[in-house]
Amino acid sequence: MIADLQQLLLLDGLLDPQGWIDRFGTYALWGAALIVFIECWLFPFLPGDSLLFTVGLLISQQEQVGAPIWLACAVLTTSAILSNVVGYGVGARLGPAVFNRPDSRFFKQEYVDKTYAFFDRYGNRAIVLARFVPFVRTFITLAAGVGRMPMRRFVTYSAIGGFLWATGVTLLGYWLGQVPFLANHIDLLLVGLVALSLVPIAVELLRARSGGRDERYDEEAERARVLRDQAGND
């Protein structure tokens, strides 16, 4: 029953952190770093928080990853920061056209709207806070590049957010993996973790269906105003 529930939650395996780690085998840590790199700026339908947590959990059990916790934290944090830098560069090079795409299976204009709304609410701090919000963390780095946020400021906020997210979530998995009850029920823990990681996605789907999305951010002029505001804040 647990296996069936886990399969149902994992969207054909894309969100299965254990499955990705199994595929990478002895290169599990470097494979996890690659997934983090892709998820943070290009493709949000990959495990982010759950993958970091699982890496820490497996290290605590001395299974599969084959690296000390300090090295895992360093590699994953570096990958998260470099990913943002690449995303910023793509956004700066391509400009607003990067977001002017028709909806598809994996790209929805509402994801962009949410990103601009997040920027509008939190300003530069959004670069840090967005690390903990699926979808937003993927698109906000592109938005920062499109808006030509000063590179030094962007890298500073990105480094802070990358460290807090990648190191923090990995260490959380490592510490909880040493709790006897959790260590003896890893399958249940992973199912719960995946379910928890899907909560933000479910919330956004409900908001979209209820008409709660703020459509102001569909307008190019409104997006430009948000980017001007955040670029002008020190």
C-alpha atoms as a PDB file:
ATOM      1  CA  MET A   1       0.000   0.000   0.000  1.00  0.00           C
ATOM      2  CA  ILE A   2       2.834   2.391   0.857  1.00  0.00           C
ATOM      3  CA  ALA A   3       4.509   1.650  -2.467  1.00  0.00           C
ATOM      4  CA  ASP A   4       1.255   2.346  -4.354  1.00  0.00           C
ATOM      5  CA  LEU A   5       0.738   5.632  -2.525  1.00  0.00           C
ATOM      6  CA  GLN A   6       4.318   6.665  -3.180  1.00  0.00           C
ATOM      7  CA  GLN A   7       3.965   5.923  -6.897  1.00  0.00           C
ATOM      8  CA  LEU A   8       0.744   7.953  -7.065  1.00  0.00           C
ATOM      9  CA  LEU A   9       2.433  11.005  -5.545  1.00  0.00           C
ATOM     10  CA  LEU A  10       5.565  10.937  -7.682  1.00  0.00           C
ATOM     11  CA  LEU A  11       4.235  12.044 -11.086  1.00  0.00           C
ATOM     12  CA  ASP A  12       5.715   9.176 -13.137  1.00  0.00           C
ATOM     13  CA  GLY A  13       8.918   9.208 -11.098  1.00  0.00           C
ATOM     14  CA  LEU A  14       9.932  12.813 -11.813  1.00  0.00           C
ATOM     15  CA  LEU A  15       9.545  13.811  -8.167  1.00  0.00           C
ATOM     16  CA  ASP A  16      10.968  10.608  -6.696  1.00  0.00           C
ATOM     17  CA  PRO A  17      14.221  11.568  -4.902  1.00  0.00           C
ATOM     18  CA  GLN A  18      15.105   7.976  -4.057  1.00  0.00           C
ATOM     19  CA  GLY A  19      14.572   6.930  -7.667  1.00  0.00           C
ATOM     20  CA  TRP A  20      16.989   9.571  -8.944  1.00  0.00           C
ATOM     21  CA  ILE A  21      19.603   8.617  -6.371  1.00  0.00           C
ATOM     22  CA  ASP A  22      19.248   4.942  -7.343  1.00  0.00           C
ATOM     23  CA  ARG A  23      19.783   5.839 -11.010  1.00  0.00           C
ATOM     24  CA  PHE A  24      22.978   7.740 -10.312  1.00  0.00           C
ATOM     25  CA  GLY A  25      24.460   4.907  -8.251  1.00  0.00           C
ATOM     26  CA  THR A  26      27.991   5.646  -7.047  1.00  0.00           C
ATOM     27  CA  TYR A  27      27.664   9.181  -8.451  1.00  0.00           C
ATOM     28  CA  ALA A  28      24.607   9.896  -6.319  1.00  0.00           C
ATOM     29  CA  LEU A  29      25.903  13.145  -4.819  1.00  0.00           C
ATOM     30  CA  TRP A  30      26.964  14.591  -8.165  1.00  0.00           C
ATOM     31  CA  GLY A  31      23.717  13.449  -9.750  1.00  0.00           C
ATOM     32  CA  ALA A  32      21.763  15.131  -6.970  1.00  0.00           C
ATOM     33  CA  ALA A  33      23.762  18.314  -7.568  1.00  0.00           C
ATOM     34  CA  LEU A  34      22.834  18.132 -11.259  1.00  0.00           C
ATOM     35  CA  ILE A  35      19.119  17.783 -10.436  1.00  0.00           C
ATOM     36  CA  VAL A  36      19.315  20.762  -8.071  1.00  0.00           C
ATOM     37  CA  PHE A  37      21.073  22.778 -10.769  1.00  0.00           C
ATOM     38  CA  ILE A  38      18.352  22.040 -13.331  1.00  0.00           C
ATOM     39  CA  GLU A  39      15.422  22.460 -10.935  1.00  0.00           C
ATOM     40  CA  CYS A  40      16.558  25.844  -9.638  1.00  0.00           C
ATOM     41  CA  TRP A  41      16.434  27.706 -12.940  1.00  0.00           C
ATOM     42  CA  LEU A  42      15.105  25.566 -15.780  1.00  0.00           C
ATOM     43  CA  PHE A  43      12.657  22.778 -14.958  1.00  0.00           C
ATOM     44  CA  PRO A  44      10.558  22.949 -11.756  1.00  0.00           C
ATOM     45  CA  PHE A  45       9.071  19.459 -12.072  1.00  0.00           C
ATOM     46  CA  LEU A  46      12.019  17.791 -10.348  1.00  0.00           C
ATOM     47  CA  PRO A  47      12.615  17.052  -6.666  1.00  0.00           C
ATOM     48  CA  GLY A  48      14.188  19.981  -4.840  1.00  0.00           C
ATOM     49  CA  ASP A  49      13.523  20.040  -1.102  1.00  0.00           C
ATOM     50  CA  SER A  50      12.756  16.305  -1.005  1.00  0.00           C
ATOM     51  CA  LEU A  51      16.013  15.463  -2.814  1.00  0.00           C
ATOM     52  CA  LEU A  52      18.129  17.529  -0.421  1.00  0.00           C
ATOM     53  CA  PHE A  53      16.375  15.957   2.554  1.00  0.00           C
ATOM     54  CA  THR A  54      16.840  12.445   1.164  1.00  0.00           C
ATOM     55  CA  VAL A  55      20.560  12.986   0.567  1.00  0.00           C
ATOM     56  CA  GLY A  56      21.007  14.041   4.191  1.00  0.00           C
ATOM     57  CA  LEU A  57      18.863  11.141   5.387  1.00  0.00           C
ATOM     58  CA  LEU A  58      20.856   8.547   3.444  1.00  0.00           C
ATOM     59  CA  ILE A  59      24.168   9.961   4.653  1.00  0.00           C
ATOM     60  CA  SER A  60      22.954   9.606   8.247  1.00  0.00           C
ATOM     61  CA  GLN A  61      22.214   5.937   7.492  1.00  0.00           C
ATOM     62  CA  GLN A  62      25.588   5.536   5.730  1.00  0.00           C
ATOM     63  CA  GLU A  63      23.798   4.413   2.568  1.00  0.00           C
ATOM     64  CA  GLN A  64      24.308   5.082  -1.166  1.00  0.00           C
ATOM     65  CA  VAL A  65      25.589   8.655  -1.203  1.00  0.00           C
ATOM     66  CA  GLY A  66      29.092   7.753  -0.065  1.00  0.00           C
ATOM     67  CA  ALA A  67      30.145  11.245   1.032  1.00  0.00           C
ATOM     68  CA  PRO A  68      30.485  13.044   4.362  1.00  0.00           C
ATOM     69  CA  ILE A  69      27.722  15.470   5.251  1.00  0.00           C
ATOM     70  CA  TRP A  70      29.990  18.530   5.009  1.00  0.00           C
ATOM     71  CA  LEU A  71      30.946  17.663   1.426  1.00  0.00           C
ATOM     72  CA  ALA A  72      27.328  17.041   0.439  1.00  0.00           C
ATOM     73  CA  CYS A  73      26.282  20.415   1.862  1.00  0.00           C
ATOM     74  CA  ALA A  74      29.144  22.179   0.077  1.00  0.00           C
ATOM     75  CA  VAL A  75      28.453  20.538  -3.304  1.00  0.00           C
ATOM     76  CA  LEU A  76      24.677  21.042  -3.189  1.00  0.00           C
ATOM     77  CA  THR A  77      24.958  24.651  -2.021  1.00  0.00           C
ATOM     78  CA  THR A  78      27.465  25.446  -4.770  1.00  0.00           C
ATOM     79  CA  SER A  79      25.168  23.850  -7.350  1.00  0.00           C
ATOM     80  CA  ALA A  80      22.181  25.887  -6.136  1.00  0.00           C
ATOM     81  CA  ILE A  81      24.113  29.159  -6.328  1.00  0.00           C
ATOM     82  CA  LEU A  82      25.668  28.448  -9.738  1.00  0.00           C
ATOM     83  CA  SER A  83      22.236  27.539 -11.058  1.00  0.00           C
ATOM     84  CA  ASN A  84      20.901  30.951 -10.103  1.00  0.00           C
ATOM     85  CA  VAL A  85      23.846  32.685 -11.739  1.00  0.00           C
ATOM     86  CA  VAL A  86      23.200  30.811 -14.991  1.00  0.00           C
ATOM     87  CA  GLY A  87      19.480  31.587 -14.810  1.00  0.00           C
ATOM     88  CA  TYR A  88      20.224  35.251 -14.220  1.00  0.00           C
ATOM     89  CA  GLY A  89      22.525  35.296 -17.256  1.00  0.00           C
ATOM     90  CA  VAL A  90      19.880  33.684 -19.460  1.00  0.00           C
ATOM     91  CA  GLY A  91      17.254  36.169 -18.287  1.00  0.00           C
ATOM     92  CA  ALA A  92      19.569  39.125 -18.848  1.00  0.00           C
ATOM     93  CA  ARG A  93      20.516  37.934 -22.330  1.00  0.00           C
ATOM     94  CA  LEU A  94      17.066  37.030 -23.604  1.00  0.00           C
ATOM     95  CA  GLY A  95      15.152  39.817 -21.869  1.00  0.00           C
ATOM     96  CA  PRO A  96      11.337  39.853 -21.480  1.00  0.00           C
ATOM     97  CA  ALA A  97      10.946  37.458 -24.417  1.00  0.00           C
ATOM     98  CA  VAL A  98      11.953  34.585 -22.133  1.00  0.00           C
ATOM     99  CA  PHE A  99       8.512  34.790 -20.485  1.00  0.00           C
ATOM    100  CA  ASN A 100       6.480  35.433 -23.627  1.00  0.00           C
ATOM    101  CA  ARG A 101       5.613  31.825 -24.375  1.00  0.00           C
ATOM    102  CA  PRO A 102       2.301  30.012 -24.867  1.00  0.00           C
ATOM    103  CA  ASP A 103       1.138  27.677 -22.128  1.00  0.00           C
ATOM    104  CA  SER A 104       2.321  24.090 -22.432  1.00  0.00           C
ATOM    105  CA  ARG A 105       2.360  20.999 -20.264  1.00  0.00           C
ATOM    106  CA  PHE A 106       5.267  22.255 -18.170  1.00  0.00           C
ATOM    107  CA  PHE A 107       5.096  26.030 -18.696  1.00  0.00           C
ATOM    108  CA  LYS A 108       2.143  28.058 -17.469  1.00  0.00           C
ATOM    109  CA  GLN A 109       1.891  31.828 -17.557  1.00  0.00           C
ATOM    110  CA  GLU A 110       0.468  31.723 -14.040  1.00  0.00           C
ATOM    111  CA  TYR A 111       3.895  30.562 -12.767  1.00  0.00           C
ATOM    112  CA  VAL A 112       5.370  33.779 -14.144  1.00  0.00           C
ATOM    113  CA  ASP A 113       2.553  35.843 -12.637  1.00  0.00           C
ATOM    114  CA  LYS A 114       3.190  34.295  -9.243  1.00  0.00           C
ATOM    115  CA  THR A 115       6.894  35.069  -9.519  1.00  0.00           C
ATOM    116  CA  TYR A 116       6.258  38.741 -10.234  1.00  0.00           C
ATOM    117  CA  ALA A 117       3.734  38.918  -7.399  1.00  0.00           C
ATOM    118  CA  PHE A 118       6.366  37.438  -5.073  1.00  0.00           C
ATOM    119  CA  PHE A 119       8.921  40.023  -6.207  1.00  0.00           C
ATOM    120  CA  ASP A 120       6.338  42.778  -5.796  1.00  0.00           C
ATOM    121  CA  ARG A 121       5.652  41.762  -2.213  1.00  0.00           C
ATOM    122  CA  TYR A 122       9.141  41.034  -0.917  1.00  0.00           C
ATOM    123  CA  GLY A 123      11.498  43.023  -3.155  1.00  0.00           C
ATOM    124  CA  ASN A 124      15.132  41.899  -3.093  1.00  0.00           C
ATOM    125  CA  ARG A 125      14.461  39.553  -0.164  1.00  0.00           C
ATOM    126  CA  ALA A 126      12.424  37.469  -2.608  1.00  0.00           C
ATOM    127  CA  ILE A 127      15.674  35.976  -3.952  1.00  0.00           C
ATOM    128  CA  VAL A 128      16.278  34.438  -0.507  1.00  0.00           C
ATOM    129  CA  LEU A 129      12.692  33.537   0.379  1.00  0.00           C
ATOM    130  CA  ALA A 130      11.894  32.051  -3.027  1.00  0.00           C
ATOM    131  CA  ARG A 131      14.379  29.238  -2.385  1.00  0.00           C
ATOM    132  CA  PHE A 132      11.734  27.637  -0.192  1.00  0.00           C
ATOM    133  CA  VAL A 133       8.839  28.034  -2.671  1.00  0.00           C
ATOM    134  CA  PRO A 134       8.615  25.509  -5.552  1.00  0.00           C
ATOM    135  CA  PHE A 135       8.130  27.022  -9.024  1.00  0.00           C
ATOM    136  CA  VAL A 136       8.912  30.520  -7.756  1.00  0.00           C
ATOM    137  CA  ARG A 137      12.547  29.599  -7.128  1.00  0.00           C
ATOM    138  CA  THR A 138      12.796  28.431 -10.743  1.00  0.00           C
ATOM    139  CA  PHE A 139      11.380  31.543 -12.380  1.00  0.00           C
ATOM    140  CA  ILE A 140      12.529  34.283 -10.026  1.00  0.00           C
ATOM    141  CA  THR A 141      16.176  33.966 -11.017  1.00  0.00           C
ATOM    142  CA  LEU A 142      15.179  34.521 -14.665  1.00  0.00           C
ATOM    143  CA  ALA A 143      13.034  37.485 -13.627  1.00  0.00           C
ATOM    144  CA  ALA A 144      15.989  39.031 -11.804  1.00  0.00           C
ATOM    145  CA  GLY A 145      18.036  38.761 -14.990  1.00  0.00           C
ATOM    146  CA  VAL A 146      15.249  40.184 -17.143  1.00  0.00           C
ATOM    147  CA  GLY A 147      14.961  43.146 -14.754  1.00  0.00           C
ATOM    148  CA  ARG A 148      18.747  43.657 -14.752  1.00  0.00           C
ATOM    149  CA  MET A 149      18.978  43.454 -10.970  1.00  0.00           C
ATOM    150  CA  PRO A 150      22.566  44.516 -10.128  1.00  0.00           C
ATOM    151  CA  MET A 151      24.738  41.412 -10.431  1.00  0.00           C
ATOM    152  CA  ARG A 152      26.587  41.906  -7.144  1.00  0.00           C
ATOM    153  CA  ARG A 153      23.352  42.317  -5.218  1.00  0.00           C
ATOM    154  CA  PHE A 154      21.804  39.316  -6.929  1.00  0.00           C
ATOM    155  CA  VAL A 155      24.770  37.048  -6.197  1.00  0.00           C
ATOM    156  CA  THR A 156      24.794  38.149  -2.547  1.00  0.00           C
ATOM    157  CA  TYR A 157      21.122  37.351  -2.003  1.00  0.00           C
ATOM    158  CA  SER A 158      21.411  34.174  -4.057  1.00  0.00           C
ATOM    159  CA  ALA A 159      24.368  32.924  -2.007  1.00  0.00           C
ATOM    160  CA  ILE A 160      22.514  33.556   1.263  1.00  0.00           C
ATOM    161  CA  GLY A 161      19.380  31.820   0.007  1.00  0.00           C
ATOM    162  CA  GLY A 162      21.319  28.953  -1.551  1.00  0.00           C
ATOM    163  CA  PHE A 163      23.201  28.272   1.671  1.00  0.00           C
ATOM    164  CA  LEU A 164      20.111  28.430   3.905  1.00  0.00           C
ATOM    165  CA  TRP A 165      18.117  26.189   1.572  1.00  0.00           C
ATOM    166  CA  ALA A 166      20.596  23.579   0.342  1.00  0.00           C
ATOM    167  CA  THR A 167      22.602  23.234   3.539  1.00  0.00           C
ATOM    168  CA  GLY A 168      19.631  23.681   5.867  1.00  0.00           C
ATOM    169  CA  VAL A 169      17.342  21.095   4.263  1.00  0.00           C
ATOM    170  CA  THR A 170      20.190  18.587   3.811  1.00  0.00           C
ATOM    171  CA  LEU A 171      21.181  18.914   7.469  1.00  0.00           C
ATOM    172  CA  LEU A 172      17.541  18.534   8.512  1.00  0.00           C
ATOM    173  CA  GLY A 173      17.407  15.188   6.714  1.00  0.00           C
ATOM    174  CA  TYR A 174      20.725  14.180   8.281  1.00  0.00           C
ATOM    175  CA  TRP A 175      19.612  15.008  11.830  1.00  0.00           C
ATOM    176  CA  LEU A 176      16.148  13.469  11.538  1.00  0.00           C
ATOM    177  CA  GLY A 177      17.694  10.347  10.043  1.00  0.00           C
ATOM    178  CA  GLN A 178      19.394   9.746  13.390  1.00  0.00           C
ATOM    179  CA  VAL A 179      16.070   9.623  15.248  1.00  0.00           C
ATOM    180  CA  PRO A 180      15.471   5.875  15.864  1.00  0.00           C
ATOM    181  CA  PHE A 181      11.740   5.886  15.080  1.00  0.00           C
ATOM    182  CA  LEU A 182      12.217   7.753  11.798  1.00  0.00           C
ATOM    183  CA  ALA A 183      15.241   5.670  10.849  1.00  0.00           C
ATOM    184  CA  ASN A 184      13.087   2.538  11.203  1.00  0.00           C
ATOM    185  CA  HIS A 185      10.270   3.954   9.066  1.00  0.00           C
ATOM    186  CA  ILE A 186      12.121   5.578   6.164  1.00  0.00           C
ATOM    187  CA  ASP A 187       9.502   4.525   3.590  1.00  0.00           C
ATOM    188  CA  LEU A 188       6.745   6.299   5.511  1.00  0.00           C
ATOM    189  CA  LEU A 189       8.988   9.310   6.030  1.00  0.00           C
ATOM    190  CA  LEU A 190       9.688   9.629   2.305  1.00  0.00           C
ATOM    191  CA  VAL A 191       6.005   9.311   1.423  1.00  0.00           C
ATOM    192  CA  GLY A 192       5.199  12.058   3.916  1.00  0.00           C
ATOM    193  CA  LEU A 193       8.003  14.229   2.581  1.00  0.00           C
ATOM    194  CA  VAL A 194       6.851  13.897  -1.020  1.00  0.00           C
ATOM    195  CA  ALA A 195       3.259  14.612   0.003  1.00  0.00           C
ATOM    196  CA  LEU A 196       4.418  17.713   1.882  1.00  0.00           C
ATOM    197  CA  SER A 197       6.421  18.924  -1.108  1.00  0.00           C
ATOM    198  CA  LEU A 198       3.269  18.719  -3.235  1.00  0.00           C
ATOM    199  CA  VAL A 199       1.246  20.944  -0.899  1.00  0.00           C
ATOM    200  CA  PRO A 200       2.401  24.230  -2.530  1.00  0.00           C
ATOM    201  CA  ILE A 201       1.535  22.827  -5.962  1.00  0.00           C
ATOM    202  CA  ALA A 202      -1.940  21.834  -4.766  1.00  0.00           C
ATOM    203  CA  VAL A 203      -2.471  25.262  -3.212  1.00  0.00           C
ATOM    204  CA  GLU A 204      -1.583  26.988  -6.475  1.00  0.00           C
ATOM    205  CA  LEU A 205      -3.930  24.739  -8.452  1.00  0.00           C
ATOM    206  CA  LEU A 206      -6.786  25.532  -6.066  1.00  0.00           C
ATOM    207  CA  ARG A 207      -6.057  29.246  -6.305  1.00  0.00           C
ATOM    208  CA  ALA A 208      -6.061  29.112 -10.082  1.00  0.00           C
ATOM    209  CA  ARG A 209      -9.389  27.281 -10.168  1.00  0.00           C
ATOM    210  CA  SER A 210     -10.981  29.647  -7.666  1.00  0.00           C
ATOM    211  CA  GLY A 211      -9.906  32.692  -9.663  1.00  0.00           C
ATOM    212  CA  GLY A 212      -7.711  33.916  -6.811  1.00  0.00           C
ATOM    213  CA  ARG A 213      -4.717  34.646  -9.041  1.00  0.00           C
ATOM    214  CA  ASP A 214      -3.872  38.329  -9.406  1.00  0.00           C
ATOM    215  CA  GLU A 215      -4.139  38.969 -13.134  1.00  0.00           C
ATOM    216  CA  ARG A 216      -2.349  42.307 -12.944  1.00  0.00           C
ATOM    217  CA  TYR A 217       0.878  40.460 -13.524  1.00  0.00           C
ATOM    218  CA  ASP A 218      -0.308  39.306 -16.937  1.00  0.00           C
ATOM    219  CA  GLU A 219       0.353  42.839 -18.174  1.00  0.00           C
ATOM    220  CA  GLU A 220       3.844  43.602 -19.486  1.00  0.00           C
ATOM    221  CA  ALA A 221       3.685  47.152 -18.079  1.00  0.00           C
ATOM    222  CA  GLU A 222       2.938  45.812 -14.597  1.00  0.00           C
ATOM    223  CA  ARG A 223       5.826  43.356 -14.785  1.00  0.00           C
ATOM    224  CA  ALA A 224       8.130  46.157 -15.892  1.00  0.00           C
ATOM    225  CA  ARG A 225       6.998  48.231 -12.912  1.00  0.00           C
ATOM    226  CA  VAL A 226       7.803  45.385 -10.483  1.00  0.00           C
ATOM    227  CA  LEU A 227      11.260  44.919 -11.962  1.00  0.00           C
ATOM    228  CA  ARG A 228      11.986  48.663 -11.858  1.00  0.00           C
ATOM    229  CA  ASP A 229      10.947  48.770  -8.200  1.00  0.00           C
ATOM    230  CA  GLN A 230      13.147  45.874  -7.117  1.00  0.00           C
ATOM    231  CA  ALA A 231      16.095  47.118  -9.187  1.00  0.00           C
ATOM    232  CA  GLY A 232      15.898  50.505  -7.490  1.00  0.00           C
ATOM    233  CA  ASN A 233      15.886  49.111  -3.932  1.00  0.00           C
ATOM    234  CA  ASP A 234      19.228  48.895  -2.141  1.00  0.00           C
END
